[in-house]
Amino acid sequence: MSRTEQRALHLLTTRTAAYYLHAGITKADLVLTERGRTALEHLLRIGEEQPK
């Protein structure tokens, strides 16, 4: 996968996770909230592991 494709996938995943978190908070849905929070935390951990 090219660097550009990796970046696009990361952005799409981040957007989806943020959507889940927002929808969960808005609808008071604990499953969506936790799904969004977990996905964003995972993305942060991956970002910290990436060489700079």
PDB file of N, CA and C in Angstrom:
ATOM      1  N   MET A   1       0.864  -1.165   0.000  1.00  0.00           N
ATOM      2  CA  MET A   1       0.000   0.000   0.000  1.00  0.00           C
ATOM      3  C   MET A   1       0.911   1.229   0.000  1.00  0.00           C
ATOM      4  N   SER A   2       0.589   2.171  -0.855  1.00  0.00           N
ATOM      5  CA  SER A   2       1.407   3.384  -0.938  1.00  0.00           C
ATOM      6  C   SER A   2       1.163   4.271   0.285  1.00  0.00           C
ATOM      7  N   ARG A   3       2.065   5.202   0.486  1.00  0.00           N
ATOM      8  CA  ARG A   3       1.947   6.152   1.611  1.00  0.00           C
ATOM      9  C   ARG A   3       0.642   6.945   1.500  1.00  0.00           C
ATOM     10  N   THR A   4       0.283   7.338   0.286  1.00  0.00           N
ATOM     11  CA  THR A   4      -0.960   8.098   0.069  1.00  0.00           C
ATOM     12  C   THR A   4      -2.183   7.250   0.405  1.00  0.00           C
ATOM     13  N   GLU A   5      -2.159   5.982   0.013  1.00  0.00           N
ATOM     14  CA  GLU A   5      -3.274   5.087   0.326  1.00  0.00           C
ATOM     15  C   GLU A   5      -3.372   4.845   1.835  1.00  0.00           C
ATOM     16  N   GLN A   6      -2.231   4.702   2.497  1.00  0.00           N
ATOM     17  CA  GLN A   6      -2.234   4.528   3.949  1.00  0.00           C
ATOM     18  C   GLN A   6      -2.823   5.746   4.641  1.00  0.00           C
ATOM     19  N   ARG A   7      -2.436   6.912   4.174  1.00  0.00           N
ATOM     20  CA  ARG A   7      -2.945   8.163   4.759  1.00  0.00           C
ATOM     21  C   ARG A   7      -4.462   8.278   4.558  1.00  0.00           C
ATOM     22  N   ALA A   8      -4.928   7.938   3.353  1.00  0.00           N
ATOM     23  CA  ALA A   8      -6.367   8.003   3.059  1.00  0.00           C
ATOM     24  C   ALA A   8      -7.141   7.028   3.941  1.00  0.00           C
ATOM     25  N   LEU A   9      -6.611   5.825   4.112  1.00  0.00           N
ATOM     26  CA  LEU A   9      -7.269   4.833   4.964  1.00  0.00           C
ATOM     27  C   LEU A   9      -7.313   5.312   6.415  1.00  0.00           C
ATOM     28  N   HIS A  10      -6.221   5.896   6.881  1.00  0.00           N
ATOM     29  CA  HIS A  10      -6.171   6.420   8.249  1.00  0.00           C
ATOM     30  C   HIS A  10      -7.213   7.530   8.438  1.00  0.00           C
ATOM     31  N   LEU A  11      -7.306   8.428   7.482  1.00  0.00           N
ATOM     32  CA  LEU A  11      -8.280   9.521   7.588  1.00  0.00           C
ATOM     33  C   LEU A  11      -9.715   9.002   7.556  1.00  0.00           C
ATOM     34  N   LEU A  12      -9.985   8.031   6.695  1.00  0.00           N
ATOM     35  CA  LEU A  12     -11.324   7.458   6.615  1.00  0.00           C
ATOM     36  C   LEU A  12     -11.679   6.734   7.920  1.00  0.00           C
ATOM     37  N   THR A  13     -10.734   6.000   8.466  1.00  0.00           N
ATOM     38  CA  THR A  13     -10.957   5.297   9.724  1.00  0.00           C
ATOM     39  C   THR A  13     -11.197   6.278  10.865  1.00  0.00           C
ATOM     40  N   THR A  14     -10.426   7.349  10.890  1.00  0.00           N
ATOM     41  CA  THR A  14     -10.596   8.379  11.918  1.00  0.00           C
ATOM     42  C   THR A  14     -11.976   9.023  11.810  1.00  0.00           C
ATOM     43  N   ARG A  15     -12.374   9.325  10.600  1.00  0.00           N
ATOM     44  CA  ARG A  15     -13.689   9.944  10.387  1.00  0.00           C
ATOM     45  C   ARG A  15     -14.815   9.013  10.847  1.00  0.00           C
ATOM     46  N   THR A  16     -14.682   7.727  10.536  1.00  0.00           N
ATOM     47  CA  THR A  16     -15.700   6.756  10.945  1.00  0.00           C
ATOM     48  C   THR A  16     -15.757   6.631  12.469  1.00  0.00           C
ATOM     49  N   ALA A  17     -14.599   6.573  13.097  1.00  0.00           N
ATOM     50  CA  ALA A  17     -14.557   6.481  14.561  1.00  0.00           C
ATOM     51  C   ALA A  17     -15.181   7.717  15.204  1.00  0.00           C
ATOM     52  N   ALA A  18     -14.878   8.881  14.659  1.00  0.00           N
ATOM     53  CA  ALA A  18     -15.457  10.120  15.191  1.00  0.00           C
ATOM     54  C   ALA A  18     -16.971  10.130  14.995  1.00  0.00           C
ATOM     55  N   TYR A  19     -17.434   9.599  13.868  1.00  0.00           N
ATOM     56  CA  TYR A  19     -18.873   9.520  13.622  1.00  0.00           C
ATOM     57  C   TYR A  19     -19.534   8.636  14.685  1.00  0.00           C
ATOM     58  N   TYR A  20     -18.946   7.455  14.945  1.00  0.00           N
ATOM     59  CA  TYR A  20     -19.505   6.563  15.963  1.00  0.00           C
ATOM     60  C   TYR A  20     -19.564   7.253  17.322  1.00  0.00           C
ATOM     61  N   LEU A  21     -18.489   7.921  17.687  1.00  0.00           N
ATOM     62  CA  LEU A  21     -18.459   8.612  18.981  1.00  0.00           C
ATOM     63  C   LEU A  21     -19.523   9.702  19.043  1.00  0.00           C
ATOM     64  N   HIS A  22     -19.614  10.511  18.010  1.00  0.00           N
ATOM     65  CA  HIS A  22     -20.613  11.592  17.974  1.00  0.00           C
ATOM     66  C   HIS A  22     -22.032  11.038  18.015  1.00  0.00           C
ATOM     67  N   ALA A  23     -22.293  10.022  17.196  1.00  0.00           N
ATOM     68  CA  ALA A  23     -23.637   9.432  17.163  1.00  0.00           C
ATOM     69  C   ALA A  23     -23.986   8.828  18.518  1.00  0.00           C
ATOM     70  N   GLY A  24     -23.020   8.170  19.137  1.00  0.00           N
ATOM     71  CA  GLY A  24     -23.274   7.571  20.444  1.00  0.00           C
ATOM     72  C   GLY A  24     -23.601   8.597  21.506  1.00  0.00           C
ATOM     73  N   ILE A  25     -22.856   9.693  21.496  1.00  0.00           N
ATOM     74  CA  ILE A  25     -23.107  10.754  22.473  1.00  0.00           C
ATOM     75  C   ILE A  25     -24.457  11.412  22.201  1.00  0.00           C
ATOM     76  N   THR A  26     -24.723  11.713  20.932  1.00  0.00           N
ATOM     77  CA  THR A  26     -25.977  12.385  20.555  1.00  0.00           C
ATOM     78  C   THR A  26     -27.200  11.541  20.889  1.00  0.00           C
ATOM     79  N   LYS A  27     -27.107  10.238  20.614  1.00  0.00           N
ATOM     80  CA  LYS A  27     -28.244   9.343  20.818  1.00  0.00           C
ATOM     81  C   LYS A  27     -28.216   8.650  22.178  1.00  0.00           C
ATOM     82  N   ALA A  28     -27.227   8.983  23.000  1.00  0.00           N
ATOM     83  CA  ALA A  28     -27.048   8.344  24.303  1.00  0.00           C
ATOM     84  C   ALA A  28     -26.978   6.825  24.147  1.00  0.00           C
ATOM     85  N   ASP A  29     -26.241   6.392  23.139  1.00  0.00           N
ATOM     86  CA  ASP A  29     -26.067   4.967  22.845  1.00  0.00           C
ATOM     87  C   ASP A  29     -24.668   4.559  23.307  1.00  0.00           C
ATOM     88  N   LEU A  30     -24.618   3.817  24.386  1.00  0.00           N
ATOM     89  CA  LEU A  30     -23.332   3.442  24.967  1.00  0.00           C
ATOM     90  C   LEU A  30     -22.493   2.558  24.040  1.00  0.00           C
ATOM     91  N   VAL A  31     -23.139   1.726  23.233  1.00  0.00           N
ATOM     92  CA  VAL A  31     -22.393   0.857  22.314  1.00  0.00           C
ATOM     93  C   VAL A  31     -21.663   1.690  21.271  1.00  0.00           C
ATOM     94  N   LEU A  32     -22.351   2.644  20.654  1.00  0.00           N
ATOM     95  CA  LEU A  32     -21.709   3.499  19.649  1.00  0.00           C
ATOM     96  C   LEU A  32     -20.629   4.368  20.280  1.00  0.00           C
ATOM     97  N   THR A  33     -20.912   4.898  21.455  1.00  0.00           N
ATOM     98  CA  THR A  33     -19.926   5.732  22.145  1.00  0.00           C
ATOM     99  C   THR A  33     -18.656   4.945  22.429  1.00  0.00           C
ATOM    100  N   GLU A  34     -18.805   3.744  22.948  1.00  0.00           N
ATOM    101  CA  GLU A  34     -17.640   2.919  23.268  1.00  0.00           C
ATOM    102  C   GLU A  34     -16.908   2.490  21.999  1.00  0.00           C
ATOM    103  N   ARG A  35     -17.647   2.176  20.945  1.00  0.00           N
ATOM    104  CA  ARG A  35     -17.017   1.791  19.684  1.00  0.00           C
ATOM    105  C   ARG A  35     -16.167   2.941  19.139  1.00  0.00           C
ATOM    106  N   GLY A  36     -16.702   4.142  19.157  1.00  0.00           N
ATOM    107  CA  GLY A  36     -15.959   5.307  18.679  1.00  0.00           C
ATOM    108  C   GLY A  36     -14.752   5.608  19.544  1.00  0.00           C
ATOM    109  N   ARG A  37     -14.925   5.553  20.852  1.00  0.00           N
ATOM    110  CA  ARG A  37     -13.825   5.831  21.775  1.00  0.00           C
ATOM    111  C   ARG A  37     -12.711   4.790  21.617  1.00  0.00           C
ATOM    112  N   THR A  38     -13.084   3.535  21.525  1.00  0.00           N
ATOM    113  CA  THR A  38     -12.092   2.465  21.363  1.00  0.00           C
ATOM    114  C   THR A  38     -11.318   2.625  20.054  1.00  0.00           C
ATOM    115  N   ALA A  39     -12.022   2.914  18.978  1.00  0.00           N
ATOM    116  CA  ALA A  39     -11.358   3.082  17.680  1.00  0.00           C
ATOM    117  C   ALA A  39     -10.401   4.270  17.692  1.00  0.00           C
ATOM    118  N   LEU A  40     -10.811   5.385  18.281  1.00  0.00           N
ATOM    119  CA  LEU A  40      -9.932   6.553  18.336  1.00  0.00           C
ATOM    120  C   LEU A  40      -8.719   6.292  19.225  1.00  0.00           C
ATOM    121  N   GLU A  41      -8.911   5.595  20.336  1.00  0.00           N
ATOM    122  CA  GLU A  41      -7.776   5.255  21.198  1.00  0.00           C
ATOM    123  C   GLU A  41      -6.795   4.350  20.459  1.00  0.00           C
ATOM    124  N   HIS A  42      -7.318   3.400  19.697  1.00  0.00           N
ATOM    125  CA  HIS A  42      -6.468   2.509  18.913  1.00  0.00           C
ATOM    126  C   HIS A  42      -5.666   3.302  17.873  1.00  0.00           C
ATOM    127  N   LEU A  43      -6.325   4.231  17.205  1.00  0.00           N
ATOM    128  CA  LEU A  43      -5.634   5.060  16.208  1.00  0.00           C
ATOM    129  C   LEU A  43      -4.526   5.894  16.861  1.00  0.00           C
ATOM    130  N   LEU A  44      -4.767   6.389  18.062  1.00  0.00           N
ATOM    131  CA  LEU A  44      -3.738   7.150  18.766  1.00  0.00           C
ATOM    132  C   LEU A  44      -2.525   6.277  19.100  1.00  0.00           C
ATOM    133  N   ARG A  45      -2.791   5.049  19.547  1.00  0.00           N
ATOM    134  CA  ARG A  45      -1.686   4.129  19.856  1.00  0.00           C
ATOM    135  C   ARG A  45      -0.883   3.807  18.600  1.00  0.00           C
ATOM    136  N   ILE A  46      -1.565   3.581  17.490  1.00  0.00           N
ATOM    137  CA  ILE A  46      -0.871   3.303  16.234  1.00  0.00           C
ATOM    138  C   ILE A  46      -0.014   4.497  15.838  1.00  0.00           C
ATOM    139  N   GLY A  47      -0.551   5.695  15.999  1.00  0.00           N
ATOM    140  CA  GLY A  47       0.191   6.903  15.667  1.00  0.00           C
ATOM    141  C   GLY A  47       1.443   7.078  16.499  1.00  0.00           C
ATOM    142  N   GLU A  48       1.371   6.676  17.761  1.00  0.00           N
ATOM    143  CA  GLU A  48       2.534   6.791  18.643  1.00  0.00           C
ATOM    144  C   GLU A  48       3.611   5.784  18.280  1.00  0.00           C
ATOM    145  N   GLU A  49       3.215   4.660  17.692  1.00  0.00           N
ATOM    146  CA  GLU A  49       4.167   3.615  17.323  1.00  0.00           C
ATOM    147  C   GLU A  49       4.847   3.875  15.992  1.00  0.00           C
ATOM    148  N   GLN A  50       4.276   4.740  15.174  1.00  0.00           N
ATOM    149  CA  GLN A  50       4.829   5.018  13.844  1.00  0.00           C
ATOM    150  C   GLN A  50       6.159   5.773  13.973  1.00  0.00           C
ATOM    151  N   PRO A  51       7.143   5.382  13.172  1.00  0.00           N
ATOM    152  CA  PRO A  51       8.388   6.158  13.170  1.00  0.00           C
ATOM    153  C   PRO A  51       8.143   7.531  12.571  1.00  0.00           C
ATOM    154  N   LYS A  52       8.832   8.513  13.111  1.00  0.00           N
ATOM    155  CA  LYS A  52       8.599   9.891  12.650  1.00  0.00           C
ATOM    156  C   LYS A  52       9.646  10.305  11.670  1.00  0.00           C
TER     157      LYS A  52
END
